[in-house]
Amino acid sequence: MERATTQKRRRAWGLSQVVPRLGKHFLFLSKHLIFSLLIKLLGQRDKGQ
């Protein structure tokens, strides 16, 4: 039982280390995706006119 709890604790600590990095990466990706989507939408609107 003790071993399982230490493993969980270790995993939680690992997550706490990894999550901020993933968060930054995800923010960067989402900004990029939103930007490209906006450009596509604007391009389609221009073509429509």
PDB file of N, CA and C in Angstrom:
ATOM      1  N   MET A   1       0.833  -1.212   0.000  1.00  0.00           N
ATOM      2  CA  MET A   1       0.000   0.000   0.000  1.00  0.00           C
ATOM      3  C   MET A   1       0.871   1.266   0.000  1.00  0.00           C
ATOM      4  N   GLU A   2       1.915   1.252   0.852  1.00  0.00           N
ATOM      5  CA  GLU A   2       2.779   2.435   0.928  1.00  0.00           C
ATOM      6  C   GLU A   2       3.421   2.735  -0.423  1.00  0.00           C
ATOM      7  N   ARG A   3       3.818   1.645  -1.081  1.00  0.00           N
ATOM      8  CA  ARG A   3       4.488   1.817  -2.364  1.00  0.00           C
ATOM      9  C   ARG A   3       3.555   2.486  -3.375  1.00  0.00           C
ATOM     10  N   ALA A   4       2.283   2.064  -3.367  1.00  0.00           N
ATOM     11  CA  ALA A   4       1.311   2.640  -4.301  1.00  0.00           C
ATOM     12  C   ALA A   4       1.151   4.139  -4.058  1.00  0.00           C
ATOM     13  N   THR A   5       1.079   4.532  -2.794  1.00  0.00           N
ATOM     14  CA  THR A   5       0.890   5.957  -2.485  1.00  0.00           C
ATOM     15  C   THR A   5       2.108   6.764  -2.927  1.00  0.00           C
ATOM     16  N   THR A   6       3.308   6.218  -2.730  1.00  0.00           N
ATOM     17  CA  THR A   6       4.507   6.949  -3.149  1.00  0.00           C
ATOM     18  C   THR A   6       4.528   7.088  -4.665  1.00  0.00           C
ATOM     19  N   GLN A   7       4.097   6.049  -5.367  1.00  0.00           N
ATOM     20  CA  GLN A   7       4.043   6.124  -6.827  1.00  0.00           C
ATOM     21  C   GLN A   7       3.058   7.199  -7.263  1.00  0.00           C
ATOM     22  N   LYS A   8       1.899   7.234  -6.594  1.00  0.00           N
ATOM     23  CA  LYS A   8       0.892   8.260  -6.918  1.00  0.00           C
ATOM     24  C   LYS A   8       1.470   9.648  -6.672  1.00  0.00           C
ATOM     25  N   ARG A   9       2.149   9.789  -5.538  1.00  0.00           N
ATOM     26  CA  ARG A   9       2.732  11.088  -5.203  1.00  0.00           C
ATOM     27  C   ARG A   9       3.761  11.495  -6.252  1.00  0.00           C
ATOM     28  N   ARG A  10       4.581  10.524  -6.653  1.00  0.00           N
ATOM     29  CA  ARG A  10       5.605  10.790  -7.654  1.00  0.00           C
ATOM     30  C   ARG A  10       4.954  11.209  -8.970  1.00  0.00           C
ATOM     31  N   ARG A  11       3.874  10.509  -9.331  1.00  0.00           N
ATOM     32  CA  ARG A  11       3.169  10.814 -10.580  1.00  0.00           C
ATOM     33  C   ARG A  11       2.555  12.217 -10.504  1.00  0.00           C
ATOM     34  N   ALA A  12       1.968  12.542  -9.363  1.00  0.00           N
ATOM     35  CA  ALA A  12       1.369  13.872  -9.179  1.00  0.00           C
ATOM     36  C   ALA A  12       2.447  14.948  -9.306  1.00  0.00           C
ATOM     37  N   TRP A  13       3.622  14.704  -8.708  1.00  0.00           N
ATOM     38  CA  TRP A  13       4.720  15.664  -8.785  1.00  0.00           C
ATOM     39  C   TRP A  13       5.165  15.821 -10.238  1.00  0.00           C
ATOM     40  N   GLY A  14       5.261  14.700 -10.958  1.00  0.00           N
ATOM     41  CA  GLY A  14       5.645  14.746 -12.366  1.00  0.00           C
ATOM     42  C   GLY A  14       4.658  15.568 -13.163  1.00  0.00           C
ATOM     43  N   LEU A  15       3.376  15.370 -12.895  1.00  0.00           N
ATOM     44  CA  LEU A  15       2.336  16.134 -13.589  1.00  0.00           C
ATOM     45  C   LEU A  15       2.474  17.617 -13.290  1.00  0.00           C
ATOM     46  N   SER A  16       2.719  17.947 -12.027  1.00  0.00           N
ATOM     47  CA  SER A  16       2.853  19.357 -11.645  1.00  0.00           C
ATOM     48  C   SER A  16       4.042  19.990 -12.373  1.00  0.00           C
ATOM     49  N   GLN A  17       5.043  19.183 -12.720  1.00  0.00           N
ATOM     50  CA  GLN A  17       6.187  19.696 -13.465  1.00  0.00           C
ATOM     51  C   GLN A  17       5.860  19.847 -14.948  1.00  0.00           C
ATOM     52  N   VAL A  18       5.094  18.887 -15.482  1.00  0.00           N
ATOM     53  CA  VAL A  18       4.832  18.849 -16.921  1.00  0.00           C
ATOM     54  C   VAL A  18       3.718  19.795 -17.349  1.00  0.00           C
ATOM     55  N   VAL A  19       2.666  19.892 -16.526  1.00  0.00           N
ATOM     56  CA  VAL A  19       1.485  20.672 -16.905  1.00  0.00           C
ATOM     57  C   VAL A  19       1.792  22.116 -17.318  1.00  0.00           C
ATOM     58  N   PRO A  20       2.592  22.867 -16.557  1.00  0.00           N
ATOM     59  CA  PRO A  20       2.882  24.241 -16.982  1.00  0.00           C
ATOM     60  C   PRO A  20       3.484  24.316 -18.380  1.00  0.00           C
ATOM     61  N   ARG A  21       4.398  23.396 -18.689  1.00  0.00           N
ATOM     62  CA  ARG A  21       5.012  23.380 -20.017  1.00  0.00           C
ATOM     63  C   ARG A  21       3.957  23.102 -21.077  1.00  0.00           C
ATOM     64  N   LEU A  22       3.116  22.086 -20.813  1.00  0.00           N
ATOM     65  CA  LEU A  22       2.051  21.747 -21.755  1.00  0.00           C
ATOM     66  C   LEU A  22       1.107  22.927 -21.915  1.00  0.00           C
ATOM     67  N   GLY A  23       0.810  23.594 -20.808  1.00  0.00           N
ATOM     68  CA  GLY A  23      -0.086  24.748 -20.851  1.00  0.00           C
ATOM     69  C   GLY A  23       0.450  25.831 -21.768  1.00  0.00           C
ATOM     70  N   LYS A  24       1.721  26.145 -21.630  1.00  0.00           N
ATOM     71  CA  LYS A  24       2.335  27.161 -22.491  1.00  0.00           C
ATOM     72  C   LYS A  24       2.256  26.731 -23.944  1.00  0.00           C
ATOM     73  N   HIS A  25       2.605  25.475 -24.206  1.00  0.00           N
ATOM     74  CA  HIS A  25       2.590  24.950 -25.564  1.00  0.00           C
ATOM     75  C   HIS A  25       1.181  25.001 -26.137  1.00  0.00           C
ATOM     76  N   PHE A  26       0.193  24.616 -25.305  1.00  0.00           N
ATOM     77  CA  PHE A  26      -1.200  24.594 -25.742  1.00  0.00           C
ATOM     78  C   PHE A  26      -1.684  26.006 -26.051  1.00  0.00           C
ATOM     79  N   LEU A  27      -1.320  26.958 -25.221  1.00  0.00           N
ATOM     80  CA  LEU A  27      -1.706  28.357 -25.462  1.00  0.00           C
ATOM     81  C   LEU A  27      -1.140  28.821 -26.793  1.00  0.00           C
ATOM     82  N   PHE A  28       0.129  28.506 -27.048  1.00  0.00           N
ATOM     83  CA  PHE A  28       0.773  28.898 -28.298  1.00  0.00           C
ATOM     84  C   PHE A  28       0.048  28.281 -29.486  1.00  0.00           C
ATOM     85  N   LEU A  29      -0.259  26.972 -29.380  1.00  0.00           N
ATOM     86  CA  LEU A  29      -0.939  26.267 -30.465  1.00  0.00           C
ATOM     87  C   LEU A  29      -2.334  26.835 -30.705  1.00  0.00           C
ATOM     88  N   SER A  30      -3.074  27.073 -29.622  1.00  0.00           N
ATOM     89  CA  SER A  30      -4.439  27.576 -29.760  1.00  0.00           C
ATOM     90  C   SER A  30      -4.438  28.970 -30.395  1.00  0.00           C
ATOM     91  N   LYS A  31      -3.489  29.816 -29.999  1.00  0.00           N
ATOM     92  CA  LYS A  31      -3.386  31.140 -30.617  1.00  0.00           C
ATOM     93  C   LYS A  31      -3.141  30.990 -32.106  1.00  0.00           C
ATOM     94  N   HIS A  32      -2.224  30.115 -32.471  1.00  0.00           N
ATOM     95  CA  HIS A  32      -1.886  29.889 -33.873  1.00  0.00           C
ATOM     96  C   HIS A  32      -3.104  29.388 -34.653  1.00  0.00           C
ATOM     97  N   LEU A  33      -3.834  28.421 -34.043  1.00  0.00           N
ATOM     98  CA  LEU A  33      -5.017  27.858 -34.701  1.00  0.00           C
ATOM     99  C   LEU A  33      -6.093  28.915 -34.893  1.00  0.00           C
ATOM    100  N   ILE A  34      -6.365  29.685 -33.857  1.00  0.00           N
ATOM    101  CA  ILE A  34      -7.391  30.732 -33.934  1.00  0.00           C
ATOM    102  C   ILE A  34      -7.016  31.740 -35.012  1.00  0.00           C
ATOM    103  N   PHE A  35      -5.754  32.120 -35.062  1.00  0.00           N
ATOM    104  CA  PHE A  35      -5.281  33.090 -36.043  1.00  0.00           C
ATOM    105  C   PHE A  35      -5.502  32.570 -37.461  1.00  0.00           C
ATOM    106  N   SER A  36      -5.110  31.301 -37.705  1.00  0.00           N
ATOM    107  CA  SER A  36      -5.263  30.721 -39.041  1.00  0.00           C
ATOM    108  C   SER A  36      -6.742  30.593 -39.403  1.00  0.00           C
ATOM    109  N   LEU A  37      -7.592  30.252 -38.426  1.00  0.00           N
ATOM    110  CA  LEU A  37      -9.034  30.146 -38.672  1.00  0.00           C
ATOM    111  C   LEU A  37      -9.605  31.509 -39.056  1.00  0.00           C
ATOM    112  N   LEU A  38      -9.195  32.546 -38.352  1.00  0.00           N
ATOM    113  CA  LEU A  38      -9.668  33.900 -38.660  1.00  0.00           C
ATOM    114  C   LEU A  38      -9.273  34.282 -40.081  1.00  0.00           C
ATOM    115  N   ILE A  39      -8.037  33.998 -40.450  1.00  0.00           N
ATOM    116  CA  ILE A  39      -7.564  34.315 -41.801  1.00  0.00           C
ATOM    117  C   ILE A  39      -8.400  33.574 -42.839  1.00  0.00           C
ATOM    118  N   LYS A  40      -8.678  32.287 -42.577  1.00  0.00           N
ATOM    119  CA  LYS A  40      -9.498  31.498 -43.509  1.00  0.00           C
ATOM    120  C   LYS A  40     -10.888  32.104 -43.643  1.00  0.00           C
ATOM    121  N   LEU A  41     -11.496  32.426 -42.513  1.00  0.00           N
ATOM    122  CA  LEU A  41     -12.850  32.996 -42.519  1.00  0.00           C
ATOM    123  C   LEU A  41     -12.863  34.332 -43.268  1.00  0.00           C
ATOM    124  N   LEU A  42     -11.886  35.173 -43.014  1.00  0.00           N
ATOM    125  CA  LEU A  42     -11.815  36.468 -43.697  1.00  0.00           C
ATOM    126  C   LEU A  42     -11.622  36.265 -45.195  1.00  0.00           C
ATOM    127  N   GLY A  43     -10.785  35.297 -45.566  1.00  0.00           N
ATOM    128  CA  GLY A  43     -10.549  35.010 -46.978  1.00  0.00           C
ATOM    129  C   GLY A  43     -11.823  34.549 -47.663  1.00  0.00           C
ATOM    130  N   GLN A  44     -12.581  33.682 -47.002  1.00  0.00           N
ATOM    131  CA  GLN A  44     -13.838  33.188 -47.580  1.00  0.00           C
ATOM    132  C   GLN A  44     -14.824  34.336 -47.752  1.00  0.00           C
ATOM    133  N   ARG A  45     -14.891  35.229 -46.772  1.00  0.00           N
ATOM    134  CA  ARG A  45     -15.816  36.349 -46.836  1.00  0.00           C
ATOM    135  C   ARG A  45     -15.458  37.265 -48.015  1.00  0.00           C
ATOM    136  N   ASP A  46     -14.168  37.488 -48.198  1.00  0.00           N
ATOM    137  CA  ASP A  46     -13.724  38.329 -49.311  1.00  0.00           C
ATOM    138  C   ASP A  46     -14.092  37.688 -50.642  1.00  0.00           C
ATOM    139  N   LYS A  47     -13.924  36.378 -50.743  1.00  0.00           N
ATOM    140  CA  LYS A  47     -14.264  35.674 -51.984  1.00  0.00           C
ATOM    141  C   LYS A  47     -15.770  35.754 -52.244  1.00  0.00           C
ATOM    142  N   GLY A  48     -16.554  35.678 -51.165  1.00  0.00           N
ATOM    143  CA  GLY A  48     -18.012  35.747 -51.284  1.00  0.00           C
ATOM    144  C   GLY A  48     -18.448  37.065 -51.892  1.00  0.00           C
ATOM    145  N   GLN A  49     -17.802  38.140 -51.547  1.00  0.00           N
ATOM    146  CA  GLN A  49     -18.145  39.448 -52.091  1.00  0.00           C
ATOM    147  C   GLN A  49     -17.589  39.544 -53.509  1.00  0.00           C
TER     148      GLN A  49
END
